[in-house]
Amino acid sequence: MIAMWSAVAALAVINLVFKGAGPAILGDHQFGARTQTALDALPAALLAGLIAVDLLGPHWDNADWTMLPGLATAGVARTRGLPHLACILAGVAVTAALRTLG
């Protein structure tokens, strides 16, 4: 049990050091437009990867076809400018309707 809490504390310290190292090293450095665009896209790419693994499973064998149209509906709703909650509700509604029909 002590080993687990030691690992948690060590990871917290490492996280703190990493989060502090970036601003300390870079300071007020401004990135170029292309670099900033790539850096701004990283969280969305990470989220897309996490969603893909969650939908398809770690070995890509847990695919549930009803989630994909729901996810597409949420994506289209977001590109149309709907609020986040409305996008989520639209995706859930489509997924629930497909599961009811199938």
PDB file of N, CA and C in Angstrom:
ATOM      1  N   MET A   1       0.824  -1.190   0.000  1.00  0.00           N
ATOM      2  CA  MET A   1       0.000   0.000   0.000  1.00  0.00           C
ATOM      3  C   MET A   1       0.866   1.250   0.000  1.00  0.00           C
ATOM      4  N   ILE A   2       1.963   1.196   0.749  1.00  0.00           N
ATOM      5  CA  ILE A   2       2.863   2.351   0.808  1.00  0.00           C
ATOM      6  C   ILE A   2       3.510   2.584  -0.553  1.00  0.00           C
ATOM      7  N   ALA A   3       3.806   1.504  -1.274  1.00  0.00           N
ATOM      8  CA  ALA A   3       4.419   1.637  -2.599  1.00  0.00           C
ATOM      9  C   ALA A   3       3.475   2.359  -3.560  1.00  0.00           C
ATOM     10  N   MET A   4       2.184   2.053  -3.469  1.00  0.00           N
ATOM     11  CA  MET A   4       1.227   2.700  -4.346  1.00  0.00           C
ATOM     12  C   MET A   4       1.154   4.200  -4.061  1.00  0.00           C
ATOM     13  N   TRP A   5       1.070   4.577  -2.791  1.00  0.00           N
ATOM     14  CA  TRP A   5       0.988   5.996  -2.447  1.00  0.00           C
ATOM     15  C   TRP A   5       2.292   6.713  -2.773  1.00  0.00           C
ATOM     16  N   SER A   6       3.400   6.024  -2.656  1.00  0.00           N
ATOM     17  CA  SER A   6       4.681   6.624  -3.042  1.00  0.00           C
ATOM     18  C   SER A   6       4.713   6.882  -4.543  1.00  0.00           C
ATOM     19  N   ALA A   7       4.190   5.941  -5.317  1.00  0.00           N
ATOM     20  CA  ALA A   7       4.130   6.121  -6.772  1.00  0.00           C
ATOM     21  C   ALA A   7       3.211   7.279  -7.132  1.00  0.00           C
ATOM     22  N   VAL A   8       2.069   7.394  -6.463  1.00  0.00           N
ATOM     23  CA  VAL A   8       1.145   8.494  -6.723  1.00  0.00           C
ATOM     24  C   VAL A   8       1.801   9.829  -6.395  1.00  0.00           C
ATOM     25  N   ALA A   9       2.484   9.891  -5.261  1.00  0.00           N
ATOM     26  CA  ALA A   9       3.165  11.128  -4.873  1.00  0.00           C
ATOM     27  C   ALA A   9       4.283  11.462  -5.845  1.00  0.00           C
ATOM     28  N   ALA A  10       5.039  10.458  -6.282  1.00  0.00           N
ATOM     29  CA  ALA A  10       6.117  10.693  -7.243  1.00  0.00           C
ATOM     30  C   ALA A  10       5.570  11.208  -8.569  1.00  0.00           C
ATOM     31  N   LEU A  11       4.471  10.627  -9.032  1.00  0.00           N
ATOM     32  CA  LEU A  11       3.858  11.091 -10.275  1.00  0.00           C
ATOM     33  C   LEU A  11       3.322  12.509 -10.144  1.00  0.00           C
ATOM     34  N   ALA A  12       2.791  12.843  -8.978  1.00  0.00           N
ATOM     35  CA  ALA A  12       2.307  14.208  -8.759  1.00  0.00           C
ATOM     36  C   ALA A  12       3.464  15.205  -8.806  1.00  0.00           C
ATOM     37  N   VAL A  13       4.596  14.848  -8.204  1.00  0.00           N
ATOM     38  CA  VAL A  13       5.764  15.729  -8.227  1.00  0.00           C
ATOM     39  C   VAL A  13       6.302  15.856  -9.656  1.00  0.00           C
ATOM     40  N   ILE A  14       6.390  14.757 -10.371  1.00  0.00           N
ATOM     41  CA  ILE A  14       6.861  14.796 -11.764  1.00  0.00           C
ATOM     42  C   ILE A  14       5.937  15.657 -12.608  1.00  0.00           C
ATOM     43  N   ASN A  15       4.626  15.515 -12.424  1.00  0.00           N
ATOM     44  CA  ASN A  15       3.658  16.327 -13.153  1.00  0.00           C
ATOM     45  C   ASN A  15       3.864  17.809 -12.856  1.00  0.00           C
ATOM     46  N   LEU A  16       4.061  18.133 -11.602  1.00  0.00           N
ATOM     47  CA  LEU A  16       4.286  19.524 -11.205  1.00  0.00           C
ATOM     48  C   LEU A  16       5.555  20.075 -11.838  1.00  0.00           C
ATOM     49  N   VAL A  17       6.608  19.272 -11.859  1.00  0.00           N
ATOM     50  CA  VAL A  17       7.872  19.712 -12.461  1.00  0.00           C
ATOM     51  C   VAL A  17       7.701  19.935 -13.962  1.00  0.00           C
ATOM     52  N   PHE A  18       7.029  19.017 -14.646  1.00  0.00           N
ATOM     53  CA  PHE A  18       6.812  19.174 -16.086  1.00  0.00           C
ATOM     54  C   PHE A  18       5.975  20.404 -16.393  1.00  0.00           C
ATOM     55  N   LYS A  19       4.928  20.624 -15.621  1.00  0.00           N
ATOM     56  CA  LYS A  19       4.071  21.791 -15.862  1.00  0.00           C
ATOM     57  C   LYS A  19       4.795  23.098 -15.577  1.00  0.00           C
ATOM     58  N   GLY A  20       5.715  23.088 -14.644  1.00  0.00           N
ATOM     59  CA  GLY A  20       6.479  24.291 -14.344  1.00  0.00           C
ATOM     60  C   GLY A  20       7.655  24.487 -15.282  1.00  0.00           C
ATOM     61  N   ALA A  21       8.172  23.407 -15.865  1.00  0.00           N
ATOM     62  CA  ALA A  21       9.346  23.504 -16.728  1.00  0.00           C
ATOM     63  C   ALA A  21       9.036  24.225 -18.033  1.00  0.00           C
ATOM     64  N   GLY A  22       7.867  23.999 -18.587  1.00  0.00           N
ATOM     65  CA  GLY A  22       7.520  24.633 -19.860  1.00  0.00           C
ATOM     66  C   GLY A  22       7.573  26.148 -19.796  1.00  0.00           C
ATOM     67  N   PRO A  23       6.804  26.777 -18.909  1.00  0.00           N
ATOM     68  CA  PRO A  23       6.875  28.239 -18.810  1.00  0.00           C
ATOM     69  C   PRO A  23       8.245  28.743 -18.361  1.00  0.00           C
ATOM     70  N   ALA A  24       8.934  27.982 -17.525  1.00  0.00           N
ATOM     71  CA  ALA A  24      10.249  28.420 -17.060  1.00  0.00           C
ATOM     72  C   ALA A  24      11.269  28.425 -18.198  1.00  0.00           C
ATOM     73  N   ILE A  25      11.199  27.429 -19.058  1.00  0.00           N
ATOM     74  CA  ILE A  25      12.150  27.329 -20.171  1.00  0.00           C
ATOM     75  C   ILE A  25      11.768  28.278 -21.307  1.00  0.00           C
ATOM     76  N   LEU A  26      10.479  28.296 -21.676  1.00  0.00           N
ATOM     77  CA  LEU A  26      10.053  29.093 -22.828  1.00  0.00           C
ATOM     78  C   LEU A  26       9.800  30.547 -22.495  1.00  0.00           C
ATOM     79  N   GLY A  27       9.416  30.823 -21.271  1.00  0.00           N
ATOM     80  CA  GLY A  27       9.125  32.203 -20.893  1.00  0.00           C
ATOM     81  C   GLY A  27       7.986  32.779 -21.712  1.00  0.00           C
ATOM     82  N   ASP A  28       8.215  33.939 -22.294  1.00  0.00           N
ATOM     83  CA  ASP A  28       7.182  34.592 -23.117  1.00  0.00           C
ATOM     84  C   ASP A  28       7.388  34.344 -24.601  1.00  0.00           C
ATOM     85  N   HIS A  29       8.026  33.242 -24.930  1.00  0.00           N
ATOM     86  CA  HIS A  29       8.299  32.925 -26.332  1.00  0.00           C
ATOM     87  C   HIS A  29       6.994  32.731 -27.098  1.00  0.00           C
ATOM     88  N   GLN A  30       6.887  33.354 -28.241  1.00  0.00           N
ATOM     89  CA  GLN A  30       5.710  33.199 -29.103  1.00  0.00           C
ATOM     90  C   GLN A  30       6.072  32.263 -30.257  1.00  0.00           C
ATOM     91  N   PHE A  31       5.232  31.264 -30.485  1.00  0.00           N
ATOM     92  CA  PHE A  31       5.457  30.338 -31.583  1.00  0.00           C
ATOM     93  C   PHE A  31       4.963  30.947 -32.887  1.00  0.00           C
ATOM     94  N   GLY A  32       5.442  30.407 -33.999  1.00  0.00           N
ATOM     95  CA  GLY A  32       4.970  30.833 -35.302  1.00  0.00           C
ATOM     96  C   GLY A  32       3.533  30.396 -35.522  1.00  0.00           C
ATOM     97  N   ALA A  33       2.926  30.943 -36.560  1.00  0.00           N
ATOM     98  CA  ALA A  33       1.505  30.665 -36.824  1.00  0.00           C
ATOM     99  C   ALA A  33       1.266  29.183 -37.097  1.00  0.00           C
ATOM    100  N   ARG A  34       2.125  28.549 -37.884  1.00  0.00           N
ATOM    101  CA  ARG A  34       1.928  27.131 -38.220  1.00  0.00           C
ATOM    102  C   ARG A  34       2.135  26.246 -36.989  1.00  0.00           C
ATOM    103  N   THR A  35       3.137  26.571 -36.193  1.00  0.00           N
ATOM    104  CA  THR A  35       3.390  25.795 -34.979  1.00  0.00           C
ATOM    105  C   THR A  35       2.247  25.956 -33.989  1.00  0.00           C
ATOM    106  N   GLN A  36       1.761  27.175 -33.833  1.00  0.00           N
ATOM    107  CA  GLN A  36       0.652  27.411 -32.910  1.00  0.00           C
ATOM    108  C   GLN A  36      -0.609  26.688 -33.364  1.00  0.00           C
ATOM    109  N   THR A  37      -0.844  26.659 -34.688  1.00  0.00           N
ATOM    110  CA  THR A  37      -2.003  25.929 -35.213  1.00  0.00           C
ATOM    111  C   THR A  37      -1.886  24.440 -34.898  1.00  0.00           C
ATOM    112  N   ALA A  38      -0.686  23.878 -35.065  1.00  0.00           N
ATOM    113  CA  ALA A  38      -0.476  22.465 -34.757  1.00  0.00           C
ATOM    114  C   ALA A  38      -0.650  22.201 -33.264  1.00  0.00           C
ATOM    115  N   LEU A  39      -0.120  23.097 -32.434  1.00  0.00           N
ATOM    116  CA  LEU A  39      -0.263  22.919 -30.982  1.00  0.00           C
ATOM    117  C   LEU A  39      -1.721  23.040 -30.547  1.00  0.00           C
ATOM    118  N   ASP A  40      -2.473  23.913 -31.194  1.00  0.00           N
ATOM    119  CA  ASP A  40      -3.891  24.053 -30.859  1.00  0.00           C
ATOM    120  C   ASP A  40      -4.699  22.828 -31.271  1.00  0.00           C
ATOM    121  N   ALA A  41      -4.234  22.088 -32.285  1.00  0.00           N
ATOM    122  CA  ALA A  41      -4.955  20.910 -32.759  1.00  0.00           C
ATOM    123  C   ALA A  41      -4.648  19.664 -31.932  1.00  0.00           C
ATOM    124  N   LEU A  42      -3.585  19.682 -31.145  1.00  0.00           N
ATOM    125  CA  LEU A  42      -3.200  18.487 -30.385  1.00  0.00           C
ATOM    126  C   LEU A  42      -4.268  17.995 -29.408  1.00  0.00           C
ATOM    127  N   PRO A  43      -4.920  18.854 -28.615  1.00  0.00           N
ATOM    128  CA  PRO A  43      -5.947  18.326 -27.706  1.00  0.00           C
ATOM    129  C   PRO A  43      -7.105  17.649 -28.445  1.00  0.00           C
ATOM    130  N   ALA A  44      -7.516  18.218 -29.567  1.00  0.00           N
ATOM    131  CA  ALA A  44      -8.602  17.599 -30.328  1.00  0.00           C
ATOM    132  C   ALA A  44      -8.170  16.247 -30.895  1.00  0.00           C
ATOM    133  N   ALA A  45      -6.931  16.150 -31.355  1.00  0.00           N
ATOM    134  CA  ALA A  45      -6.436  14.880 -31.885  1.00  0.00           C
ATOM    135  C   ALA A  45      -6.343  13.827 -30.784  1.00  0.00           C
ATOM    136  N   LEU A  46      -5.895  14.233 -29.614  1.00  0.00           N
ATOM    137  CA  LEU A  46      -5.823  13.302 -28.477  1.00  0.00           C
ATOM    138  C   LEU A  46      -7.216  12.833 -28.083  1.00  0.00           C
ATOM    139  N   LEU A  47      -8.167  13.751 -28.038  1.00  0.00           N
ATOM    140  CA  LEU A  47      -9.542  13.381 -27.696  1.00  0.00           C
ATOM    141  C   LEU A  47     -10.117  12.436 -28.736  1.00  0.00           C
ATOM    142  N   ALA A  48      -9.858  12.700 -30.012  1.00  0.00           N
ATOM    143  CA  ALA A  48     -10.348  11.804 -31.073  1.00  0.00           C
ATOM    144  C   ALA A  48      -9.753  10.409 -30.930  1.00  0.00           C
ATOM    145  N   GLY A  49      -8.482  10.327 -30.582  1.00  0.00           N
ATOM    146  CA  GLY A  49      -7.859   9.021 -30.369  1.00  0.00           C
ATOM    147  C   GLY A  49      -8.460   8.286 -29.185  1.00  0.00           C
ATOM    148  N   LEU A  50      -8.710   9.007 -28.111  1.00  0.00           N
ATOM    149  CA  LEU A  50      -9.320   8.378 -26.933  1.00  0.00           C
ATOM    150  C   LEU A  50     -10.738   7.898 -27.232  1.00  0.00           C
ATOM    151  N   ILE A  51     -11.482   8.681 -27.998  1.00  0.00           N
ATOM    152  CA  ILE A  51     -12.842   8.277 -28.360  1.00  0.00           C
ATOM    153  C   ILE A  51     -12.801   7.050 -29.247  1.00  0.00           C
ATOM    154  N   ALA A  52     -11.871   7.017 -30.207  1.00  0.00           N
ATOM    155  CA  ALA A  52     -11.776   5.857 -31.103  1.00  0.00           C
ATOM    156  C   ALA A  52     -11.453   4.591 -30.326  1.00  0.00           C
ATOM    157  N   VAL A  53     -10.528   4.672 -29.390  1.00  0.00           N
ATOM    158  CA  VAL A  53     -10.178   3.495 -28.588  1.00  0.00           C
ATOM    159  C   VAL A  53     -11.355   3.092 -27.710  1.00  0.00           C
ATOM    160  N   ASP A  54     -12.083   4.077 -27.175  1.00  0.00           N
ATOM    161  CA  ASP A  54     -13.226   3.764 -26.327  1.00  0.00           C
ATOM    162  C   ASP A  54     -14.349   3.120 -27.144  1.00  0.00           C
ATOM    163  N   LEU A  55     -14.568   3.609 -28.353  1.00  0.00           N
ATOM    164  CA  LEU A  55     -15.639   3.054 -29.186  1.00  0.00           C
ATOM    165  C   LEU A  55     -15.294   1.675 -29.719  1.00  0.00           C
ATOM    166  N   LEU A  56     -14.055   1.474 -30.124  1.00  0.00           N
ATOM    167  CA  LEU A  56     -13.690   0.236 -30.796  1.00  0.00           C
ATOM    168  C   LEU A  56     -13.019  -0.777 -29.887  1.00  0.00           C
ATOM    169  N   GLY A  57     -12.646  -0.384 -28.692  1.00  0.00           N
ATOM    170  CA  GLY A  57     -11.992  -1.300 -27.767  1.00  0.00           C
ATOM    171  C   GLY A  57     -10.499  -1.344 -28.013  1.00  0.00           C
ATOM    172  N   PRO A  58      -9.764  -1.870 -27.061  1.00  0.00           N
ATOM    173  CA  PRO A  58      -8.306  -1.882 -27.199  1.00  0.00           C
ATOM    174  C   PRO A  58      -7.812  -2.753 -28.352  1.00  0.00           C
ATOM    175  N   HIS A  59      -8.548  -3.760 -28.714  1.00  0.00           N
ATOM    176  CA  HIS A  59      -8.149  -4.637 -29.816  1.00  0.00           C
ATOM    177  C   HIS A  59      -9.051  -4.452 -31.033  1.00  0.00           C
ATOM    178  N   TRP A  60      -9.792  -3.353 -31.066  1.00  0.00           N
ATOM    179  CA  TRP A  60     -10.687  -2.987 -32.174  1.00  0.00           C
ATOM    180  C   TRP A  60     -11.742  -4.071 -32.425  1.00  0.00           C
ATOM    181  N   ASP A  61     -12.182  -4.732 -31.355  1.00  0.00           N
ATOM    182  CA  ASP A  61     -13.181  -5.782 -31.525  1.00  0.00           C
ATOM    183  C   ASP A  61     -14.478  -5.497 -30.775  1.00  0.00           C
ATOM    184  N   ASN A  62     -14.593  -4.348 -30.133  1.00  0.00           N
ATOM    185  CA  ASN A  62     -15.805  -3.999 -29.393  1.00  0.00           C
ATOM    186  C   ASN A  62     -16.653  -2.977 -30.131  1.00  0.00           C
ATOM    187  N   ALA A  63     -16.554  -2.956 -31.421  1.00  0.00           N
ATOM    188  CA  ALA A  63     -17.243  -1.921 -32.197  1.00  0.00           C
ATOM    189  C   ALA A  63     -18.756  -2.054 -32.046  1.00  0.00           C
ATOM    190  N   ASP A  64     -19.399  -0.956 -31.703  1.00  0.00           N
ATOM    191  CA  ASP A  64     -20.852  -0.880 -31.619  1.00  0.00           C
ATOM    192  C   ASP A  64     -21.297   0.101 -32.699  1.00  0.00           C
ATOM    193  N   TRP A  65     -21.903  -0.404 -33.723  1.00  0.00           N
ATOM    194  CA  TRP A  65     -22.221   0.422 -34.881  1.00  0.00           C
ATOM    195  C   TRP A  65     -23.169   1.567 -34.553  1.00  0.00           C
ATOM    196  N   THR A  66     -23.948   1.452 -33.482  1.00  0.00           N
ATOM    197  CA  THR A  66     -24.907   2.516 -33.163  1.00  0.00           C
ATOM    198  C   THR A  66     -24.228   3.773 -32.619  1.00  0.00           C
ATOM    199  N   MET A  67     -23.032   3.635 -32.092  1.00  0.00           N
ATOM    200  CA  MET A  67     -22.339   4.807 -31.559  1.00  0.00           C
ATOM    201  C   MET A  67     -21.778   5.706 -32.660  1.00  0.00           C
ATOM    202  N   LEU A  68     -21.411   5.126 -33.776  1.00  0.00           N
ATOM    203  CA  LEU A  68     -20.791   5.914 -34.834  1.00  0.00           C
ATOM    204  C   LEU A  68     -21.737   6.956 -35.436  1.00  0.00           C
ATOM    205  N   PRO A  69     -22.998   6.613 -35.767  1.00  0.00           N
ATOM    206  CA  PRO A  69     -23.903   7.676 -36.238  1.00  0.00           C
ATOM    207  C   PRO A  69     -24.185   8.730 -35.162  1.00  0.00           C
ATOM    208  N   GLY A  70     -24.238   8.315 -33.901  1.00  0.00           N
ATOM    209  CA  GLY A  70     -24.426   9.281 -32.816  1.00  0.00           C
ATOM    210  C   GLY A  70     -23.252  10.239 -32.708  1.00  0.00           C
ATOM    211  N   LEU A  71     -22.044   9.701 -32.840  1.00  0.00           N
ATOM    212  CA  LEU A  71     -20.851  10.538 -32.801  1.00  0.00           C
ATOM    213  C   LEU A  71     -20.812  11.470 -34.004  1.00  0.00           C
ATOM    214  N   ALA A  72     -21.186  10.953 -35.174  1.00  0.00           N
ATOM    215  CA  ALA A  72     -21.232  11.800 -36.375  1.00  0.00           C
ATOM    216  C   ALA A  72     -22.271  12.906 -36.218  1.00  0.00           C
ATOM    217  N   THR A  73     -23.412  12.590 -35.628  1.00  0.00           N
ATOM    218  CA  THR A  73     -24.446  13.603 -35.398  1.00  0.00           C
ATOM    219  C   THR A  73     -23.936  14.698 -34.474  1.00  0.00           C
ATOM    220  N   ALA A  74     -23.244  14.296 -33.415  1.00  0.00           N
ATOM    221  CA  ALA A  74     -22.691  15.291 -32.494  1.00  0.00           C
ATOM    222  C   ALA A  74     -21.658  16.160 -33.196  1.00  0.00           C
ATOM    223  N   GLY A  75     -20.830  15.560 -34.050  1.00  0.00           N
ATOM    224  CA  GLY A  75     -19.834  16.324 -34.788  1.00  0.00           C
ATOM    225  C   GLY A  75     -20.448  17.309 -35.759  1.00  0.00           C
ATOM    226  N   VAL A  76     -21.465  16.856 -36.476  1.00  0.00           N
ATOM    227  CA  VAL A  76     -22.148  17.751 -37.421  1.00  0.00           C
ATOM    228  C   VAL A  76     -22.858  18.869 -36.671  1.00  0.00           C
ATOM    229  N   ALA A  77     -23.482  18.545 -35.559  1.00  0.00           N
ATOM    230  CA  ALA A  77     -24.159  19.576 -34.765  1.00  0.00           C
ATOM    231  C   ALA A  77     -23.166  20.618 -34.260  1.00  0.00           C
ATOM    232  N   ARG A  78     -21.978  20.168 -33.896  1.00  0.00           N
ATOM    233  CA  ARG A  78     -20.968  21.111 -33.408  1.00  0.00           C
ATOM    234  C   ARG A  78     -20.470  22.015 -34.525  1.00  0.00           C
ATOM    235  N   THR A  79     -20.306  21.452 -35.734  1.00  0.00           N
ATOM    236  CA  THR A  79     -19.854  22.286 -36.852  1.00  0.00           C
ATOM    237  C   THR A  79     -20.925  23.291 -37.261  1.00  0.00           C
ATOM    238  N   ARG A  80     -22.178  23.009 -36.923  1.00  0.00           N
ATOM    239  CA  ARG A  80     -23.260  23.951 -37.209  1.00  0.00           C
ATOM    240  C   ARG A  80     -23.363  25.046 -36.154  1.00  0.00           C
ATOM    241  N   GLY A  81     -22.544  24.966 -35.106  1.00  0.00           N
ATOM    242  CA  GLY A  81     -22.499  26.021 -34.111  1.00  0.00           C
ATOM    243  C   GLY A  81     -23.398  25.807 -32.908  1.00  0.00           C
ATOM    244  N   LEU A  82     -23.953  24.608 -32.739  1.00  0.00           N
ATOM    245  CA  LEU A  82     -24.778  24.336 -31.571  1.00  0.00           C
ATOM    246  C   LEU A  82     -23.912  24.279 -30.317  1.00  0.00           C
ATOM    247  N   PRO A  83     -24.481  24.572 -29.157  1.00  0.00           N
ATOM    248  CA  PRO A  83     -23.721  24.464 -27.909  1.00  0.00           C
ATOM    249  C   PRO A  83     -23.328  23.015 -27.631  1.00  0.00           C
ATOM    250  N   HIS A  84     -22.313  22.845 -26.784  1.00  0.00           N
ATOM    251  CA  HIS A  84     -21.808  21.504 -26.484  1.00  0.00           C
ATOM    252  C   HIS A  84     -22.895  20.576 -25.953  1.00  0.00           C
ATOM    253  N   LEU A  85     -23.711  21.061 -25.031  1.00  0.00           N
ATOM    254  CA  LEU A  85     -24.749  20.217 -24.447  1.00  0.00           C
ATOM    255  C   LEU A  85     -25.748  19.758 -25.506  1.00  0.00           C
ATOM    256  N   ALA A  86     -26.129  20.645 -26.406  1.00  0.00           N
ATOM    257  CA  ALA A  86     -27.064  20.269 -27.472  1.00  0.00           C
ATOM    258  C   ALA A  86     -26.443  19.222 -28.391  1.00  0.00           C
ATOM    259  N   CYS A  87     -25.158  19.345 -28.663  1.00  0.00           N
ATOM    260  CA  CYS A  87     -24.474  18.358 -29.507  1.00  0.00           C
ATOM    261  C   CYS A  87     -24.465  16.985 -28.840  1.00  0.00           C
ATOM    262  N   ILE A  88     -24.176  16.971 -27.558  1.00  0.00           N
ATOM    263  CA  ILE A  88     -24.150  15.702 -26.825  1.00  0.00           C
ATOM    264  C   ILE A  88     -25.536  15.076 -26.790  1.00  0.00           C
ATOM    265  N   LEU A  89     -26.545  15.887 -26.514  1.00  0.00           N
ATOM    266  CA  LEU A  89     -27.910  15.363 -26.469  1.00  0.00           C
ATOM    267  C   LEU A  89     -28.358  14.845 -27.834  1.00  0.00           C
ATOM    268  N   ALA A  90     -27.974  15.521 -28.905  1.00  0.00           N
ATOM    269  CA  ALA A  90     -28.324  15.049 -30.251  1.00  0.00           C
ATOM    270  C   ALA A  90     -27.660  13.700 -30.533  1.00  0.00           C
ATOM    271  N   GLY A  91     -26.391  13.566 -30.174  1.00  0.00           N
ATOM    272  CA  GLY A  91     -25.697  12.300 -30.374  1.00  0.00           C
ATOM    273  C   GLY A  91     -26.302  11.169 -29.556  1.00  0.00           C
ATOM    274  N   VAL A  92     -26.658  11.461 -28.319  1.00  0.00           N
ATOM    275  CA  VAL A  92     -27.277  10.457 -27.455  1.00  0.00           C
ATOM    276  C   VAL A  92     -28.638  10.055 -28.008  1.00  0.00           C
ATOM    277  N   ALA A  93     -29.404  11.019 -28.491  1.00  0.00           N
ATOM    278  CA  ALA A  93     -30.730  10.723 -29.038  1.00  0.00           C
ATOM    279  C   ALA A  93     -30.636   9.820 -30.262  1.00  0.00           C
ATOM    280  N   VAL A  94     -29.697  10.104 -31.150  1.00  0.00           N
ATOM    281  CA  VAL A  94     -29.542   9.269 -32.350  1.00  0.00           C
ATOM    282  C   VAL A  94     -29.097   7.863 -31.960  1.00  0.00           C
ATOM    283  N   THR A  95     -28.144   7.769 -31.048  1.00  0.00           N
ATOM    284  CA  THR A  95     -27.669   6.454 -30.620  1.00  0.00           C
ATOM    285  C   THR A  95     -28.788   5.664 -29.945  1.00  0.00           C
ATOM    286  N   ALA A  96     -29.549   6.306 -29.076  1.00  0.00           N
ATOM    287  CA  ALA A  96     -30.650   5.622 -28.398  1.00  0.00           C
ATOM    288  C   ALA A  96     -31.719   5.183 -29.387  1.00  0.00           C
ATOM    289  N   ALA A  97     -32.026   6.038 -30.361  1.00  0.00           N
ATOM    290  CA  ALA A  97     -33.040   5.671 -31.358  1.00  0.00           C
ATOM    291  C   ALA A  97     -32.583   4.466 -32.185  1.00  0.00           C
ATOM    292  N   LEU A  98     -31.317   4.436 -32.579  1.00  0.00           N
ATOM    293  CA  LEU A  98     -30.807   3.301 -33.354  1.00  0.00           C
ATOM    294  C   LEU A  98     -30.782   2.021 -32.531  1.00  0.00           C
ATOM    295  N   ARG A  99     -30.464   2.145 -31.253  1.00  0.00           N
ATOM    296  CA  ARG A  99     -30.465   0.943 -30.405  1.00  0.00           C
ATOM    297  C   ARG A  99     -31.883   0.444 -30.178  1.00  0.00           C
ATOM    298  N   THR A 100     -32.845   1.345 -30.115  1.00  0.00           N
ATOM    299  CA  THR A 100     -34.248   0.941 -29.945  1.00  0.00           C
ATOM    300  C   THR A 100     -34.746   0.227 -31.201  1.00  0.00           C
ATOM    301  N   LEU A 101     -34.391   0.748 -32.366  1.00  0.00           N
ATOM    302  CA  LEU A 101     -34.845   0.153 -33.615  1.00  0.00           C
ATOM    303  C   LEU A 101     -34.147  -1.166 -33.907  1.00  0.00           C
ATOM    304  N   GLY A 102     -32.898  -1.282 -33.476  1.00  0.00           N
ATOM    305  CA  GLY A 102     -32.109  -2.486 -33.819  1.00  0.00           C
ATOM    306  C   GLY A 102     -32.123  -3.429 -32.728  1.00  0.00           C
TER     307      GLY A 102
END
